[in-house]
């Protein structure tokens, strides 16, 4: 039997669903504040994690039949997969992956994801040229029509006017949109027949220290001063000397992932610089703790956890 508080919460949720279409442009039919996550509007937040309170995940599927996008937070548990989450919440793996900008299909237990029941991607409105983006600008970026976006988010017709834009930080639903994740480039050129990787990701005997240590990236042997290029579009957040890494470049990418480029002989970018995928950033070397010229390449998440670069490059 449901407690009175549970029934009251469910009534409030359903009432919010019914009045959501009346929210004005820039207004918030549903709002929440959840730590570092952005505030949502025109979407319904429900607690969805196993340790959370509130309506069960079944609500996501049932309200999805009413054409409403329901958004929640979910803490990843052991053995969770994108496929299992999409089945639970009524979406599809690619859409959950796109919403959370997940570079890998493998989920890390304890990680908090945004889950929803829509067939599309959630997008946070950004500032462009000193003002927030308009619906027209977002539509052009993702090959949608402004009408499709307005209809999917229950926005009034005035939202389609060219001089109107959405509040910065607002999150909207983009129907049918998904990101492509085959967009990582090998940071150094490879000649078929040559050895691609001299030391892989995982535990190994350190070639200099002669102790068993966890290797957090891939070592790619290349001739000294071979060009090194950005594996993905991003922003330079570090460019300089860092201990055993020698000359190091760190790029920050959309979704919070970082790529590291170590043991360089030279650096050709500066902190704060925006670089495109394939942009020349430096040259292979043996600076720091290295036995010979090679690129040490890492991928880390926003919390500093090392991820296997092979899952992004191959």
C-alpha atoms as a PDB file:
ATOM      1  CA  UNK A   1       0.000   0.000   0.000  1.00  0.00           C
ATOM      2  CA  UNK A   2       1.317   3.440  -0.950  1.00  0.00           C
ATOM      3  CA  UNK A   3       1.998   5.910   1.787  1.00  0.00           C
ATOM      4  CA  UNK A   4       0.062   9.227   1.658  1.00  0.00           C
ATOM      5  CA  UNK A   5       3.270  11.062   0.771  1.00  0.00           C
ATOM      6  CA  UNK A   6       3.853   8.734  -2.186  1.00  0.00           C
ATOM      7  CA  UNK A   7       0.328   9.335  -3.462  1.00  0.00           C
ATOM      8  CA  UNK A   8       0.720  13.082  -3.099  1.00  0.00           C
ATOM      9  CA  UNK A   9       3.981  13.000  -5.022  1.00  0.00           C
ATOM     10  CA  UNK A  10       2.412  11.012  -7.834  1.00  0.00           C
ATOM     11  CA  UNK A  11      -0.535  13.440  -8.028  1.00  0.00           C
ATOM     12  CA  UNK A  12       1.866  16.374  -8.253  1.00  0.00           C
ATOM     13  CA  UNK A  13       3.833  14.620 -10.986  1.00  0.00           C
ATOM     14  CA  UNK A  14       0.750  13.894 -13.082  1.00  0.00           C
ATOM     15  CA  UNK A  15      -0.573  17.413 -12.603  1.00  0.00           C
ATOM     16  CA  UNK A  16       2.738  18.781 -13.785  1.00  0.00           C
ATOM     17  CA  UNK A  17       2.530  16.618 -16.901  1.00  0.00           C
ATOM     18  CA  UNK A  18      -0.903  18.010 -17.722  1.00  0.00           C
ATOM     19  CA  UNK A  19       0.067  21.666 -17.365  1.00  0.00           C
ATOM     20  CA  UNK A  20       3.521  21.421 -18.919  1.00  0.00           C
ATOM     21  CA  UNK A  21       2.330  22.522 -22.346  1.00  0.00           C
ATOM     22  CA  UNK A  22       1.256  25.885 -20.921  1.00  0.00           C
ATOM     23  CA  UNK A  23       4.769  26.961 -19.911  1.00  0.00           C
ATOM     24  CA  UNK A  24       5.898  30.187 -21.633  1.00  0.00           C
ATOM     25  CA  UNK A  25       9.166  30.485 -23.540  1.00  0.00           C
ATOM     26  CA  UNK A  26      11.986  30.815 -21.039  1.00  0.00           C
ATOM     27  CA  UNK A  27       9.736  29.645 -18.214  1.00  0.00           C
ATOM     28  CA  UNK A  28      10.078  26.397 -16.358  1.00  0.00           C
ATOM     29  CA  UNK A  29       7.227  23.967 -16.084  1.00  0.00           C
ATOM     30  CA  UNK A  30       9.477  21.599 -14.151  1.00  0.00           C
ATOM     31  CA  UNK A  31      12.714  22.494 -12.420  1.00  0.00           C
ATOM     32  CA  UNK A  32      15.209  20.815 -10.192  1.00  0.00           C
ATOM     33  CA  UNK A  33      18.547  21.439  -8.587  1.00  0.00           C
ATOM     34  CA  UNK A  34      20.876  18.466  -8.368  1.00  0.00           C
ATOM     35  CA  UNK A  35      24.473  19.281  -7.554  1.00  0.00           C
ATOM     36  CA  UNK A  36      26.595  19.956 -10.632  1.00  0.00           C
ATOM     37  CA  UNK A  37      23.901  18.979 -13.120  1.00  0.00           C
ATOM     38  CA  UNK A  38      22.220  21.761 -15.117  1.00  0.00           C
ATOM     39  CA  UNK A  39      18.685  22.893 -14.305  1.00  0.00           C
ATOM     40  CA  UNK A  40      16.049  21.403 -16.576  1.00  0.00           C
ATOM     41  CA  UNK A  41      12.926  23.041 -17.892  1.00  0.00           C
ATOM     42  CA  UNK A  42      10.155  21.668 -20.096  1.00  0.00           C
ATOM     43  CA  UNK A  43      11.138  18.234 -18.780  1.00  0.00           C
ATOM     44  CA  UNK A  44       9.963  16.267 -15.797  1.00  0.00           C
ATOM     45  CA  UNK A  45      12.546  15.103 -13.283  1.00  0.00           C
ATOM     46  CA  UNK A  46      11.896  11.883 -11.431  1.00  0.00           C
ATOM     47  CA  UNK A  47      14.312  10.169  -9.071  1.00  0.00           C
ATOM     48  CA  UNK A  48      15.304   6.974 -10.844  1.00  0.00           C
ATOM     49  CA  UNK A  49      18.291   5.539  -9.006  1.00  0.00           C
ATOM     50  CA  UNK A  50      18.055   2.407  -6.872  1.00  0.00           C
ATOM     51  CA  UNK A  51      18.864   4.410  -3.742  1.00  0.00           C
ATOM     52  CA  UNK A  52      16.592   7.318  -4.655  1.00  0.00           C
ATOM     53  CA  UNK A  53      13.039   8.080  -3.596  1.00  0.00           C
ATOM     54  CA  UNK A  54      10.045   8.832  -5.773  1.00  0.00           C
ATOM     55  CA  UNK A  55       8.106   7.087  -8.553  1.00  0.00           C
ATOM     56  CA  UNK A  56       9.466   3.834  -9.970  1.00  0.00           C
ATOM     57  CA  UNK A  57      11.060   3.574 -13.443  1.00  0.00           C
ATOM     58  CA  UNK A  58       7.740   2.209 -14.759  1.00  0.00           C
ATOM     59  CA  UNK A  59       6.487   5.809 -14.670  1.00  0.00           C
ATOM     60  CA  UNK A  60       8.999   6.660 -17.408  1.00  0.00           C
ATOM     61  CA  UNK A  61       7.441   4.132 -19.756  1.00  0.00           C
ATOM     62  CA  UNK A  62       3.818   4.870 -18.882  1.00  0.00           C
ATOM     63  CA  UNK A  63       4.202   8.635 -19.296  1.00  0.00           C
ATOM     64  CA  UNK A  64       6.123   8.039 -22.499  1.00  0.00           C
ATOM     65  CA  UNK A  65       2.909   6.714 -24.022  1.00  0.00           C
ATOM     66  CA  UNK A  66       1.438  10.175 -23.369  1.00  0.00           C
ATOM     67  CA  UNK A  67       4.156  11.780 -25.438  1.00  0.00           C
ATOM     68  CA  UNK A  68       5.982  13.361 -22.483  1.00  0.00           C
ATOM     69  CA  UNK A  69       9.744  13.201 -22.058  1.00  0.00           C
ATOM     70  CA  UNK A  70      10.584  12.212 -18.492  1.00  0.00           C
ATOM     71  CA  UNK A  71      14.096  12.902 -17.196  1.00  0.00           C
ATOM     72  CA  UNK A  72      15.804  11.424 -14.167  1.00  0.00           C
ATOM     73  CA  UNK A  73      19.126  10.715 -12.538  1.00  0.00           C
ATOM     74  CA  UNK A  74      20.411   7.169 -12.223  1.00  0.00           C
ATOM     75  CA  UNK A  75      23.483   5.871 -10.416  1.00  0.00           C
ATOM     76  CA  UNK A  76      25.083   3.076 -12.415  1.00  0.00           C
ATOM     77  CA  UNK A  77      25.212  -0.302 -10.678  1.00  0.00           C
ATOM     78  CA  UNK A  78      27.353  -3.328 -11.368  1.00  0.00           C
ATOM     79  CA  UNK A  79      26.318  -5.229 -14.533  1.00  0.00           C
ATOM     80  CA  UNK A  80      24.302  -2.278 -15.880  1.00  0.00           C
ATOM     81  CA  UNK A  81      24.565  -1.750 -19.626  1.00  0.00           C
ATOM     82  CA  UNK A  82      23.214   0.856 -22.005  1.00  0.00           C
ATOM     83  CA  UNK A  83      20.868  -1.807 -23.347  1.00  0.00           C
ATOM     84  CA  UNK A  84      19.480  -2.654 -19.906  1.00  0.00           C
ATOM     85  CA  UNK A  85      18.997   1.028 -19.018  1.00  0.00           C
ATOM     86  CA  UNK A  86      17.233   1.768 -22.290  1.00  0.00           C
ATOM     87  CA  UNK A  87      14.865  -1.142 -21.650  1.00  0.00           C
ATOM     88  CA  UNK A  88      14.207   0.019 -18.086  1.00  0.00           C
ATOM     89  CA  UNK A  89      13.462   3.637 -18.950  1.00  0.00           C
ATOM     90  CA  UNK A  90      11.980   3.293 -22.432  1.00  0.00           C
ATOM     91  CA  UNK A  91      14.651   4.957 -24.570  1.00  0.00           C
ATOM     92  CA  UNK A  92      17.406   3.507 -26.792  1.00  0.00           C
ATOM     93  CA  UNK A  93      21.118   2.927 -26.054  1.00  0.00           C
ATOM     94  CA  UNK A  94      22.371   5.518 -28.546  1.00  0.00           C
ATOM     95  CA  UNK A  95      20.098   8.206 -27.122  1.00  0.00           C
ATOM     96  CA  UNK A  96      21.199   7.614 -23.512  1.00  0.00           C
ATOM     97  CA  UNK A  97      24.811   7.545 -24.664  1.00  0.00           C
ATOM     98  CA  UNK A  98      24.386  10.783 -26.619  1.00  0.00           C
ATOM     99  CA  UNK A  99      22.638  12.579 -23.753  1.00  0.00           C
ATOM    100  CA  UNK A 100      25.541  11.754 -21.422  1.00  0.00           C
ATOM    101  CA  UNK A 101      28.315  12.139 -24.032  1.00  0.00           C
ATOM    102  CA  UNK A 102      29.705   8.706 -23.187  1.00  0.00           C
ATOM    103  CA  UNK A 103      32.847   7.976 -25.161  1.00  0.00           C
ATOM    104  CA  UNK A 104      32.687   4.301 -24.210  1.00  0.00           C
ATOM    105  CA  UNK A 105      29.752   1.900 -24.162  1.00  0.00           C
ATOM    106  CA  UNK A 106      31.088   0.443 -20.912  1.00  0.00           C
ATOM    107  CA  UNK A 107      29.473   1.965 -17.818  1.00  0.00           C
ATOM    108  CA  UNK A 108      31.363   2.651 -14.587  1.00  0.00           C
ATOM    109  CA  UNK A 109      29.538   1.685 -11.352  1.00  0.00           C
ATOM    110  CA  UNK A 110      28.823   4.741  -9.232  1.00  0.00           C
ATOM    111  CA  UNK A 111      28.629   7.108 -12.192  1.00  0.00           C
ATOM    112  CA  UNK A 112      25.494   9.276 -12.310  1.00  0.00           C
ATOM    113  CA  UNK A 113      23.700   9.372 -15.656  1.00  0.00           C
ATOM    114  CA  UNK A 114      20.761  11.324 -16.983  1.00  0.00           C
ATOM    115  CA  UNK A 115      18.138   8.865 -18.172  1.00  0.00           C
ATOM    116  CA  UNK A 116      14.958   9.578 -20.085  1.00  0.00           C
ATOM    117  CA  UNK A 117      12.202   7.890 -22.034  1.00  0.00           C
ATOM    118  CA  UNK A 118      12.559   9.859 -25.264  1.00  0.00           C
ATOM    119  CA  UNK A 119      13.840   8.816 -28.664  1.00  0.00           C
ATOM    120  CA  UNK A 120      16.302  11.651 -28.991  1.00  0.00           C
ATOM    121  CA  UNK A 121      18.953  13.615 -27.114  1.00  0.00           C
ATOM    122  CA  UNK A 122      18.838  16.202 -24.340  1.00  0.00           C
ATOM    123  CA  UNK A 123      20.704  19.412 -25.166  1.00  0.00           C
ATOM    124  CA  UNK A 124      21.748  22.265 -22.882  1.00  0.00           C
ATOM    125  CA  UNK A 125      21.320  25.739 -24.400  1.00  0.00           C
ATOM    126  CA  UNK A 126      24.618  27.601 -24.649  1.00  0.00           C
ATOM    127  CA  UNK A 127      25.661  31.172 -25.185  1.00  0.00           C
ATOM    128  CA  UNK A 128      26.769  32.225 -28.638  1.00  0.00           C
ATOM    129  CA  UNK A 129      28.181  35.661 -29.483  1.00  0.00           C
ATOM    130  CA  UNK A 130      27.194  36.998 -26.076  1.00  0.00           C
ATOM    131  CA  UNK A 131      23.626  35.665 -26.015  1.00  0.00           C
ATOM    132  CA  UNK A 132      21.879  32.300 -25.701  1.00  0.00           C
ATOM    133  CA  UNK A 133      21.197  30.213 -28.773  1.00  0.00           C
ATOM    134  CA  UNK A 134      17.902  30.450 -30.615  1.00  0.00           C
ATOM    135  CA  UNK A 135      15.777  27.498 -31.661  1.00  0.00           C
ATOM    136  CA  UNK A 136      16.697  28.200 -35.279  1.00  0.00           C
ATOM    137  CA  UNK A 137      20.418  27.978 -34.510  1.00  0.00           C
ATOM    138  CA  UNK A 138      20.056  24.707 -32.635  1.00  0.00           C
ATOM    139  CA  UNK A 139      17.835  23.271 -35.360  1.00  0.00           C
ATOM    140  CA  UNK A 140      20.417  24.081 -38.032  1.00  0.00           C
ATOM    141  CA  UNK A 141      23.213  22.533 -35.962  1.00  0.00           C
ATOM    142  CA  UNK A 142      21.400  19.197 -35.663  1.00  0.00           C
ATOM    143  CA  UNK A 143      19.590  19.140 -39.010  1.00  0.00           C
ATOM    144  CA  UNK A 144      16.121  19.591 -37.511  1.00  0.00           C
ATOM    145  CA  UNK A 145      13.393  22.115 -38.160  1.00  0.00           C
ATOM    146  CA  UNK A 146      12.599  24.764 -35.559  1.00  0.00           C
ATOM    147  CA  UNK A 147       9.000  23.545 -35.596  1.00  0.00           C
ATOM    148  CA  UNK A 148      10.110  20.012 -34.647  1.00  0.00           C
ATOM    149  CA  UNK A 149      12.010  21.341 -31.631  1.00  0.00           C
ATOM    150  CA  UNK A 150       9.163  23.617 -30.540  1.00  0.00           C
ATOM    151  CA  UNK A 151       6.616  20.813 -30.814  1.00  0.00           C
ATOM    152  CA  UNK A 152       8.798  18.295 -28.958  1.00  0.00           C
ATOM    153  CA  UNK A 153       9.296  20.734 -26.065  1.00  0.00           C
ATOM    154  CA  UNK A 154       5.721  22.079 -25.887  1.00  0.00           C
ATOM    155  CA  UNK A 155       6.929  25.598 -26.707  1.00  0.00           C
ATOM    156  CA  UNK A 156       4.451  28.268 -27.848  1.00  0.00           C
ATOM    157  CA  UNK A 157       4.504  29.630 -31.375  1.00  0.00           C
ATOM    158  CA  UNK A 158       6.284  32.813 -30.294  1.00  0.00           C
ATOM    159  CA  UNK A 159       9.381  30.687 -29.710  1.00  0.00           C
ATOM    160  CA  UNK A 160       9.794  30.417 -33.471  1.00  0.00           C
ATOM    161  CA  UNK A 161      10.322  34.160 -33.950  1.00  0.00           C
ATOM    162  CA  UNK A 162      13.851  34.991 -35.081  1.00  0.00           C
ATOM    163  CA  UNK A 163      14.417  37.504 -32.272  1.00  0.00           C
ATOM    164  CA  UNK A 164      13.612  35.007 -29.506  1.00  0.00           C
ATOM    165  CA  UNK A 165      15.997  32.669 -27.770  1.00  0.00           C
ATOM    166  CA  UNK A 166      16.004  30.261 -24.873  1.00  0.00           C
ATOM    167  CA  UNK A 167      17.372  30.856 -21.400  1.00  0.00           C
ATOM    168  CA  UNK A 168      21.049  29.832 -21.055  1.00  0.00           C
ATOM    169  CA  UNK A 169      21.411  26.526 -19.261  1.00  0.00           C
ATOM    170  CA  UNK A 170      17.928  25.408 -20.247  1.00  0.00           C
ATOM    171  CA  UNK A 171      17.801  21.814 -21.444  1.00  0.00           C
ATOM    172  CA  UNK A 172      15.625  20.886 -24.393  1.00  0.00           C
ATOM    173  CA  UNK A 173      14.783  17.619 -26.103  1.00  0.00           C
ATOM    174  CA  UNK A 174      16.000  17.088 -29.674  1.00  0.00           C
ATOM    175  CA  UNK A 175      13.873  14.361 -31.299  1.00  0.00           C
ATOM    176  CA  UNK A 176      15.718  11.598 -33.183  1.00  0.00           C
ATOM    177  CA  UNK A 177      19.130  13.245 -32.648  1.00  0.00           C
ATOM    178  CA  UNK A 178      22.069  11.070 -31.655  1.00  0.00           C
ATOM    179  CA  UNK A 179      25.816  11.749 -31.596  1.00  0.00           C
ATOM    180  CA  UNK A 180      28.364   9.815 -33.599  1.00  0.00           C
ATOM    181  CA  UNK A 181      31.054   8.262 -31.428  1.00  0.00           C
ATOM    182  CA  UNK A 182      33.407   7.018 -34.117  1.00  0.00           C
ATOM    183  CA  UNK A 183      35.063  10.419 -34.060  1.00  0.00           C
ATOM    184  CA  UNK A 184      38.395   9.671 -32.374  1.00  0.00           C
ATOM    185  CA  UNK A 185      41.464   9.990 -34.550  1.00  0.00           C
ATOM    186  CA  UNK A 186      44.779   8.204 -34.057  1.00  0.00           C
ATOM    187  CA  UNK A 187      47.008  10.945 -32.613  1.00  0.00           C
ATOM    188  CA  UNK A 188      50.042   9.734 -34.588  1.00  0.00           C
ATOM    189  CA  UNK A 189      50.295   8.336 -38.101  1.00  0.00           C
ATOM    190  CA  UNK A 190      50.642   4.592 -38.447  1.00  0.00           C
ATOM    191  CA  UNK A 191      52.370   2.723 -41.254  1.00  0.00           C
ATOM    192  CA  UNK A 192      50.867  -0.745 -41.890  1.00  0.00           C
ATOM    193  CA  UNK A 193      53.330  -3.444 -40.903  1.00  0.00           C
ATOM    194  CA  UNK A 194      54.912  -1.367 -38.151  1.00  0.00           C
ATOM    195  CA  UNK A 195      54.251  -1.927 -34.478  1.00  0.00           C
ATOM    196  CA  UNK A 196      51.321   0.239 -33.369  1.00  0.00           C
ATOM    197  CA  UNK A 197      51.582  -0.147 -29.579  1.00  0.00           C
ATOM    198  CA  UNK A 198      54.684  -0.966 -27.540  1.00  0.00           C
ATOM    199  CA  UNK A 199      52.954  -0.976 -24.148  1.00  0.00           C
ATOM    200  CA  UNK A 200      49.227  -1.379 -23.555  1.00  0.00           C
ATOM    201  CA  UNK A 201      46.722  -0.324 -20.926  1.00  0.00           C
ATOM    202  CA  UNK A 202      46.916  -2.207 -17.628  1.00  0.00           C
ATOM    203  CA  UNK A 203      49.476  -3.690 -15.272  1.00  0.00           C
ATOM    204  CA  UNK A 204      53.022  -4.136 -16.567  1.00  0.00           C
ATOM    205  CA  UNK A 205      56.630  -4.234 -15.438  1.00  0.00           C
ATOM    206  CA  UNK A 206      57.886  -0.664 -15.736  1.00  0.00           C
ATOM    207  CA  UNK A 207      60.792  -0.608 -18.243  1.00  0.00           C
ATOM    208  CA  UNK A 208      62.823   1.872 -16.166  1.00  0.00           C
ATOM    209  CA  UNK A 209      61.694   1.428 -12.561  1.00  0.00           C
ATOM    210  CA  UNK A 210      61.489  -2.394 -12.921  1.00  0.00           C
ATOM    211  CA  UNK A 211      58.431  -2.600 -10.678  1.00  0.00           C
ATOM    212  CA  UNK A 212      54.909  -3.812 -11.450  1.00  0.00           C
ATOM    213  CA  UNK A 213      52.740  -0.763 -12.058  1.00  0.00           C
ATOM    214  CA  UNK A 214      49.458   0.094 -13.712  1.00  0.00           C
ATOM    215  CA  UNK A 215      50.006   1.708 -17.116  1.00  0.00           C
ATOM    216  CA  UNK A 216      47.231   4.253 -17.602  1.00  0.00           C
ATOM    217  CA  UNK A 217      47.507   4.659 -21.351  1.00  0.00           C
ATOM    218  CA  UNK A 218      49.031   3.381 -24.586  1.00  0.00           C
ATOM    219  CA  UNK A 219      52.631   3.849 -25.709  1.00  0.00           C
ATOM    220  CA  UNK A 220      52.912   4.388 -29.465  1.00  0.00           C
ATOM    221  CA  UNK A 221      56.501   4.214 -30.773  1.00  0.00           C
ATOM    222  CA  UNK A 222      57.228   6.697 -33.544  1.00  0.00           C
ATOM    223  CA  UNK A 223      60.324   8.425 -34.910  1.00  0.00           C
ATOM    224  CA  UNK A 224      61.406  11.478 -32.932  1.00  0.00           C
ATOM    225  CA  UNK A 225      59.643  14.695 -33.967  1.00  0.00           C
ATOM    226  CA  UNK A 226      56.790  12.869 -35.725  1.00  0.00           C
ATOM    227  CA  UNK A 227      53.638  15.048 -35.725  1.00  0.00           C
ATOM    228  CA  UNK A 228      51.105  14.550 -32.921  1.00  0.00           C
ATOM    229  CA  UNK A 229      47.505  15.540 -33.598  1.00  0.00           C
ATOM    230  CA  UNK A 230      44.405  16.074 -31.450  1.00  0.00           C
ATOM    231  CA  UNK A 231      42.389  12.852 -31.264  1.00  0.00           C
ATOM    232  CA  UNK A 232      39.190  14.868 -30.957  1.00  0.00           C
ATOM    233  CA  UNK A 233      38.013  18.479 -30.931  1.00  0.00           C
ATOM    234  CA  UNK A 234      38.641  20.121 -27.582  1.00  0.00           C
ATOM    235  CA  UNK A 235      40.285  22.817 -25.470  1.00  0.00           C
ATOM    236  CA  UNK A 236      43.870  22.800 -24.210  1.00  0.00           C
ATOM    237  CA  UNK A 237      43.785  22.805 -20.397  1.00  0.00           C
ATOM    238  CA  UNK A 238      47.468  21.997 -19.832  1.00  0.00           C
ATOM    239  CA  UNK A 239      50.574  22.410 -21.979  1.00  0.00           C
ATOM    240  CA  UNK A 240      53.950  22.160 -20.280  1.00  0.00           C
ATOM    241  CA  UNK A 241      56.251  19.967 -18.234  1.00  0.00           C
ATOM    242  CA  UNK A 242      54.799  17.451 -15.774  1.00  0.00           C
ATOM    243  CA  UNK A 243      57.251  15.128 -14.039  1.00  0.00           C
ATOM    244  CA  UNK A 244      57.561  11.652 -15.544  1.00  0.00           C
ATOM    245  CA  UNK A 245      55.284  12.651 -18.450  1.00  0.00           C
ATOM    246  CA  UNK A 246      57.848  15.189 -19.616  1.00  0.00           C
ATOM    247  CA  UNK A 247      56.311  17.658 -22.028  1.00  0.00           C
ATOM    248  CA  UNK A 248      52.583  17.028 -21.763  1.00  0.00           C
ATOM    249  CA  UNK A 249      49.403  18.311 -23.399  1.00  0.00           C
ATOM    250  CA  UNK A 250      45.941  17.700 -21.920  1.00  0.00           C
ATOM    251  CA  UNK A 251      42.813  18.390 -23.971  1.00  0.00           C
ATOM    252  CA  UNK A 252      39.323  18.648 -22.500  1.00  0.00           C
ATOM    253  CA  UNK A 253      36.488  17.431 -24.708  1.00  0.00           C
ATOM    254  CA  UNK A 254      32.716  17.740 -24.748  1.00  0.00           C
ATOM    255  CA  UNK A 255      31.203  15.520 -22.087  1.00  0.00           C
ATOM    256  CA  UNK A 256      34.143  15.952 -19.714  1.00  0.00           C
ATOM    257  CA  UNK A 257      36.597  13.441 -21.194  1.00  0.00           C
ATOM    258  CA  UNK A 258      40.293  14.346 -21.315  1.00  0.00           C
ATOM    259  CA  UNK A 259      43.042  13.103 -23.625  1.00  0.00           C
ATOM    260  CA  UNK A 260      46.686  13.193 -22.522  1.00  0.00           C
ATOM    261  CA  UNK A 261      49.718  13.374 -24.847  1.00  0.00           C
ATOM    262  CA  UNK A 262      53.027  12.728 -23.054  1.00  0.00           C
ATOM    263  CA  UNK A 263      56.822  12.557 -23.623  1.00  0.00           C
ATOM    264  CA  UNK A 264      56.639  15.189 -26.379  1.00  0.00           C
ATOM    265  CA  UNK A 265      59.741  16.825 -27.835  1.00  0.00           C
ATOM    266  CA  UNK A 266      57.880  20.064 -28.523  1.00  0.00           C
ATOM    267  CA  UNK A 267      54.512  21.666 -27.778  1.00  0.00           C
ATOM    268  CA  UNK A 268      52.720  23.825 -30.329  1.00  0.00           C
ATOM    269  CA  UNK A 269      49.551  24.855 -28.471  1.00  0.00           C
ATOM    270  CA  UNK A 270      48.732  27.020 -25.456  1.00  0.00           C
ATOM    271  CA  UNK A 271      46.324  26.603 -22.517  1.00  0.00           C
ATOM    272  CA  UNK A 272      42.880  27.903 -23.433  1.00  0.00           C
ATOM    273  CA  UNK A 273      43.361  27.278 -27.141  1.00  0.00           C
ATOM    274  CA  UNK A 274      40.539  25.534 -28.978  1.00  0.00           C
ATOM    275  CA  UNK A 275      41.680  22.817 -31.386  1.00  0.00           C
ATOM    276  CA  UNK A 276      39.866  20.786 -34.011  1.00  0.00           C
ATOM    277  CA  UNK A 277      40.170  17.038 -34.424  1.00  0.00           C
ATOM    278  CA  UNK A 278      43.402  16.364 -36.292  1.00  0.00           C
ATOM    279  CA  UNK A 279      44.942  19.727 -35.347  1.00  0.00           C
ATOM    280  CA  UNK A 280      48.753  19.613 -35.049  1.00  0.00           C
ATOM    281  CA  UNK A 281      49.579  20.050 -31.350  1.00  0.00           C
ATOM    282  CA  UNK A 282      53.178  18.868 -30.903  1.00  0.00           C
ATOM    283  CA  UNK A 283      55.858  16.345 -31.812  1.00  0.00           C
ATOM    284  CA  UNK A 284      56.858  12.897 -30.578  1.00  0.00           C
ATOM    285  CA  UNK A 285      59.807  12.806 -28.190  1.00  0.00           C
ATOM    286  CA  UNK A 286      61.307  11.061 -25.184  1.00  0.00           C
ATOM    287  CA  UNK A 287      61.064  13.785 -22.543  1.00  0.00           C
ATOM    288  CA  UNK A 288      60.439  12.788 -18.946  1.00  0.00           C
ATOM    289  CA  UNK A 289      60.740   9.138 -17.923  1.00  0.00           C
ATOM    290  CA  UNK A 290      60.993   7.382 -21.291  1.00  0.00           C
ATOM    291  CA  UNK A 291      63.268   4.778 -22.880  1.00  0.00           C
ATOM    292  CA  UNK A 292      62.952   6.170 -26.391  1.00  0.00           C
ATOM    293  CA  UNK A 293      60.783   8.311 -28.672  1.00  0.00           C
ATOM    294  CA  UNK A 294      57.103   7.451 -28.406  1.00  0.00           C
ATOM    295  CA  UNK A 295      53.736   9.034 -27.634  1.00  0.00           C
ATOM    296  CA  UNK A 296      52.126   8.178 -24.309  1.00  0.00           C
ATOM    297  CA  UNK A 297      48.381   8.580 -24.922  1.00  0.00           C
ATOM    298  CA  UNK A 298      45.678   8.475 -22.237  1.00  0.00           C
ATOM    299  CA  UNK A 299      41.918   8.981 -21.993  1.00  0.00           C
ATOM    300  CA  UNK A 300      40.474  10.006 -18.624  1.00  0.00           C
ATOM    301  CA  UNK A 301      36.980  10.845 -17.460  1.00  0.00           C
ATOM    302  CA  UNK A 302      36.008  14.085 -15.718  1.00  0.00           C
ATOM    303  CA  UNK A 303      36.906  12.574 -12.344  1.00  0.00           C
ATOM    304  CA  UNK A 304      40.428  11.616 -13.384  1.00  0.00           C
ATOM    305  CA  UNK A 305      39.765   7.890 -13.821  1.00  0.00           C
ATOM    306  CA  UNK A 306      41.811   6.274 -16.587  1.00  0.00           C
ATOM    307  CA  UNK A 307      39.912   4.613 -19.436  1.00  0.00           C
ATOM    308  CA  UNK A 308      41.276   2.156 -21.976  1.00  0.00           C
ATOM    309  CA  UNK A 309      42.160   4.244 -25.065  1.00  0.00           C
ATOM    310  CA  UNK A 310      41.658   1.233 -27.336  1.00  0.00           C
ATOM    311  CA  UNK A 311      37.911   1.509 -26.782  1.00  0.00           C
ATOM    312  CA  UNK A 312      38.013   4.977 -28.318  1.00  0.00           C
ATOM    313  CA  UNK A 313      40.569   4.535 -31.095  1.00  0.00           C
ATOM    314  CA  UNK A 314      39.919   1.063 -32.520  1.00  0.00           C
END
